[in-house]
Structures are given as C-alpha cells and as structure tokens.
Amino acid sequence: MKRFFCGCAILCLAVSLPSGDARAAYIYWSEYGSGTMNRANLDGTGRKTLASGLIFPGTPALDVPDGYLYFPDCLPGTIQRMKLDGTGRTTLVRGQIEMAD
C-alpha cells in the first residue's frame, strides 16, 4: 500500500509542474569523463547532450519555474546556466577556484 501512495504523490507533483520544457519528464545529470551535461526521459530513452566541452562538470541544479539549469564547471571555476532544452548557455561567474588544504 505504501508504494501506491508514494506513486500517487509523485504523479500529483508531475502534473502540477508548469508546461513546456520545464517538465518532470526528464532526468538531468553531468558526466565527468565526457565533460557533458545531459538529459533523458525518465525511462532512459531520448538521451540528449545539452552542453559539452566541460572540464570538470558538477551537479546540475534546476530552476523549474523559470526553465533554467545551473551547473558548475569546477576546474576553471565557472557557474553557467542554460534553458532546460540546452539553449541560451551563458557563464554567470568566472574564476572561482578555491583549493582545499
């Protein structure tokens, strides 16, 4: 019975999100080895590379209401953003490298 209620809560959340590309129909992730930021459908199909050429991509953060994805490229010390469909990529912060002792 717990699974049923959990599934209902997730479905309600997905239905209440705004339309357009800012949907709960995708999962977003970064790949350190390939230097990319990616998305795919929740079932794993429809994989799309949204950004490439990253040196050390960090974990993406989603701004679903405004339709943006924010992500760091840790080695050059940048924070970038782009629309959830991968367009409009821009660098917001440069040169913020802090090495741990």
C-alpha atoms as a PDB file:
ATOM      1  CA  MET A   1       0.000   0.000   0.000  1.00  0.00           C
ATOM      2  CA  LYS A   2       2.923   2.395   0.681  1.00  0.00           C
ATOM      3  CA  ARG A   3       4.081   2.100  -2.938  1.00  0.00           C
ATOM      4  CA  PHE A   4       0.664   3.123  -4.227  1.00  0.00           C
ATOM      5  CA  PHE A   5       0.556   6.291  -2.120  1.00  0.00           C
ATOM      6  CA  CYS A   6       4.149   7.178  -2.973  1.00  0.00           C
ATOM      7  CA  GLY A   7       3.336   6.771  -6.682  1.00  0.00           C
ATOM      8  CA  CYS A   8       0.282   8.994  -6.355  1.00  0.00           C
ATOM      9  CA  ALA A   9       2.293  11.745  -4.673  1.00  0.00           C
ATOM     10  CA  ILE A  10       4.894  11.685  -7.445  1.00  0.00           C
ATOM     11  CA  LEU A  11       2.202  11.745 -10.137  1.00  0.00           C
ATOM     12  CA  CYS A  12       0.494  14.712  -8.499  1.00  0.00           C
ATOM     13  CA  LEU A  13       3.793  16.579  -8.323  1.00  0.00           C
ATOM     14  CA  ALA A  14       4.498  15.947 -12.011  1.00  0.00           C
ATOM     15  CA  VAL A  15       1.043  17.099 -13.064  1.00  0.00           C
ATOM     16  CA  SER A  16       1.274  20.308 -11.040  1.00  0.00           C
ATOM     17  CA  LEU A  17       4.549  21.470 -12.646  1.00  0.00           C
ATOM     18  CA  PRO A  18       4.472  24.118 -15.406  1.00  0.00           C
ATOM     19  CA  SER A  19       4.272  23.067 -19.032  1.00  0.00           C
ATOM     20  CA  GLY A  20       6.929  23.438 -21.746  1.00  0.00           C
ATOM     21  CA  ASP A  21      10.434  22.036 -21.363  1.00  0.00           C
ATOM     22  CA  ALA A  22      10.295  22.631 -17.603  1.00  0.00           C
ATOM     23  CA  ARG A  23       8.684  19.262 -17.002  1.00  0.00           C
ATOM     24  CA  ALA A  24       9.198  16.409 -14.609  1.00  0.00           C
ATOM     25  CA  ALA A  25       9.507  14.136 -17.642  1.00  0.00           C
ATOM     26  CA  TYR A  26      13.324  14.388 -17.728  1.00  0.00           C
ATOM     27  CA  ILE A  27      16.289  13.479 -15.573  1.00  0.00           C
ATOM     28  CA  TYR A  28      19.381  15.705 -15.780  1.00  0.00           C
ATOM     29  CA  TRP A  29      22.986  14.718 -14.966  1.00  0.00           C
ATOM     30  CA  SER A  30      26.626  15.576 -15.631  1.00  0.00           C
ATOM     31  CA  GLU A  31      29.339  13.200 -16.846  1.00  0.00           C
ATOM     32  CA  TYR A  32      32.849  13.925 -15.664  1.00  0.00           C
ATOM     33  CA  GLY A  33      34.544  11.548 -18.134  1.00  0.00           C
ATOM     34  CA  SER A  34      32.948  13.047 -21.237  1.00  0.00           C
ATOM     35  CA  GLY A  35      32.677  16.616 -19.909  1.00  0.00           C
ATOM     36  CA  THR A  36      28.979  16.864 -20.709  1.00  0.00           C
ATOM     37  CA  MET A  37      25.658  17.919 -19.187  1.00  0.00           C
ATOM     38  CA  ASN A  38      22.830  15.612 -20.278  1.00  0.00           C
ATOM     39  CA  ARG A  39      19.143  14.839 -20.043  1.00  0.00           C
ATOM     40  CA  ALA A  40      16.932  11.862 -20.865  1.00  0.00           C
ATOM     41  CA  ASN A  41      13.353  10.731 -20.421  1.00  0.00           C
ATOM     42  CA  LEU A  42      12.683   9.068 -17.083  1.00  0.00           C
ATOM     43  CA  ASP A  43      12.684   5.653 -18.781  1.00  0.00           C
ATOM     44  CA  GLY A  44      16.210   6.279 -20.140  1.00  0.00           C
ATOM     45  CA  THR A  45      15.220   6.912 -23.745  1.00  0.00           C
ATOM     46  CA  GLY A  46      15.738  10.121 -25.669  1.00  0.00           C
ATOM     47  CA  ARG A  47      19.162  10.942 -24.233  1.00  0.00           C
ATOM     48  CA  LYS A  48      20.387  14.391 -25.280  1.00  0.00           C
ATOM     49  CA  THR A  49      23.688  16.164 -24.608  1.00  0.00           C
ATOM     50  CA  LEU A  50      22.838  19.715 -23.557  1.00  0.00           C
ATOM     51  CA  ALA A  51      26.384  21.048 -23.056  1.00  0.00           C
ATOM     52  CA  SER A  52      29.815  19.703 -23.972  1.00  0.00           C
ATOM     53  CA  GLY A  53      33.418  20.830 -23.621  1.00  0.00           C
ATOM     54  CA  LEU A  54      33.250  20.980 -19.821  1.00  0.00           C
ATOM     55  CA  ILE A  55      36.415  20.096 -17.906  1.00  0.00           C
ATOM     56  CA  PHE A  56      35.026  19.044 -14.519  1.00  0.00           C
ATOM     57  CA  PRO A  57      31.225  19.395 -14.582  1.00  0.00           C
ATOM     58  CA  GLY A  58      29.447  19.444 -11.242  1.00  0.00           C
ATOM     59  CA  THR A  59      25.920  18.540 -10.209  1.00  0.00           C
ATOM     60  CA  PRO A  60      23.181  20.423 -12.049  1.00  0.00           C
ATOM     61  CA  ALA A  61      20.533  22.440 -10.197  1.00  0.00           C
ATOM     62  CA  LEU A  62      17.133  23.004 -11.790  1.00  0.00           C
ATOM     63  CA  ASP A  63      15.063  26.177 -11.670  1.00  0.00           C
ATOM     64  CA  VAL A  64      11.890  24.565 -12.995  1.00  0.00           C
ATOM     65  CA  PRO A  65       9.525  27.559 -12.666  1.00  0.00           C
ATOM     66  CA  ASP A  66      11.815  29.773 -14.773  1.00  0.00           C
ATOM     67  CA  GLY A  67      13.037  26.927 -17.020  1.00  0.00           C
ATOM     68  CA  TYR A  68      16.789  27.061 -16.310  1.00  0.00           C
ATOM     69  CA  LEU A  69      19.512  24.578 -15.430  1.00  0.00           C
ATOM     70  CA  TYR A  70      22.504  25.881 -13.435  1.00  0.00           C
ATOM     71  CA  PHE A  71      25.775  23.967 -13.281  1.00  0.00           C
ATOM     72  CA  PRO A  72      29.402  24.475 -12.249  1.00  0.00           C
ATOM     73  CA  ASP A  73      32.488  23.579 -14.222  1.00  0.00           C
ATOM     74  CA  CYS A  74      34.679  23.190 -11.167  1.00  0.00           C
ATOM     75  CA  LEU A  75      38.191  23.216 -12.632  1.00  0.00           C
ATOM     76  CA  PRO A  76      38.033  26.584 -14.399  1.00  0.00           C
ATOM     77  CA  GLY A  77      35.754  27.770 -11.571  1.00  0.00           C
ATOM     78  CA  THR A  78      32.709  28.808 -13.564  1.00  0.00           C
ATOM     79  CA  ILE A  79      28.988  28.702 -12.913  1.00  0.00           C
ATOM     80  CA  GLN A  80      26.865  28.538 -16.035  1.00  0.00           C
ATOM     81  CA  ARG A  81      23.201  28.376 -16.867  1.00  0.00           C
ATOM     82  CA  MET A  82      21.114  27.393 -19.851  1.00  0.00           C
ATOM     83  CA  LYS A  83      17.495  26.733 -20.637  1.00  0.00           C
ATOM     84  CA  LEU A  84      16.288  23.220 -19.853  1.00  0.00           C
ATOM     85  CA  ASP A  85      16.367  22.374 -23.562  1.00  0.00           C
ATOM     86  CA  GLY A  86      20.091  23.257 -23.760  1.00  0.00           C
ATOM     87  CA  THR A  87      19.771  26.624 -25.498  1.00  0.00           C
ATOM     88  CA  GLY A  88      20.932  30.001 -24.227  1.00  0.00           C
ATOM     89  CA  ARG A  89      24.062  28.770 -22.413  1.00  0.00           C
ATOM     90  CA  THR A  90      25.852  31.587 -20.609  1.00  0.00           C
ATOM     91  CA  THR A  91      28.574  31.930 -17.969  1.00  0.00           C
ATOM     92  CA  LEU A  92      27.447  33.747 -14.826  1.00  0.00           C
ATOM     93  CA  VAL A  93      30.614  33.509 -12.675  1.00  0.00           C
ATOM     94  CA  ARG A  94      34.272  33.046 -13.695  1.00  0.00           C
ATOM     95  CA  GLY A  95      37.474  32.211 -11.832  1.00  0.00           C
ATOM     96  CA  GLN A  96      36.060  30.997  -8.525  1.00  0.00           C
ATOM     97  CA  ILE A  97      38.619  28.277  -7.751  1.00  0.00           C
ATOM     98  CA  GLU A  98      39.332  27.502  -4.131  1.00  0.00           C
ATOM     99  CA  MET A  99      41.610  24.568  -3.415  1.00  0.00           C
ATOM    100  CA  ALA A 100      41.216  22.611  -0.187  1.00  0.00           C
ATOM    101  CA  ASP A 101      44.284  22.251   2.074  1.00  0.00           C
END
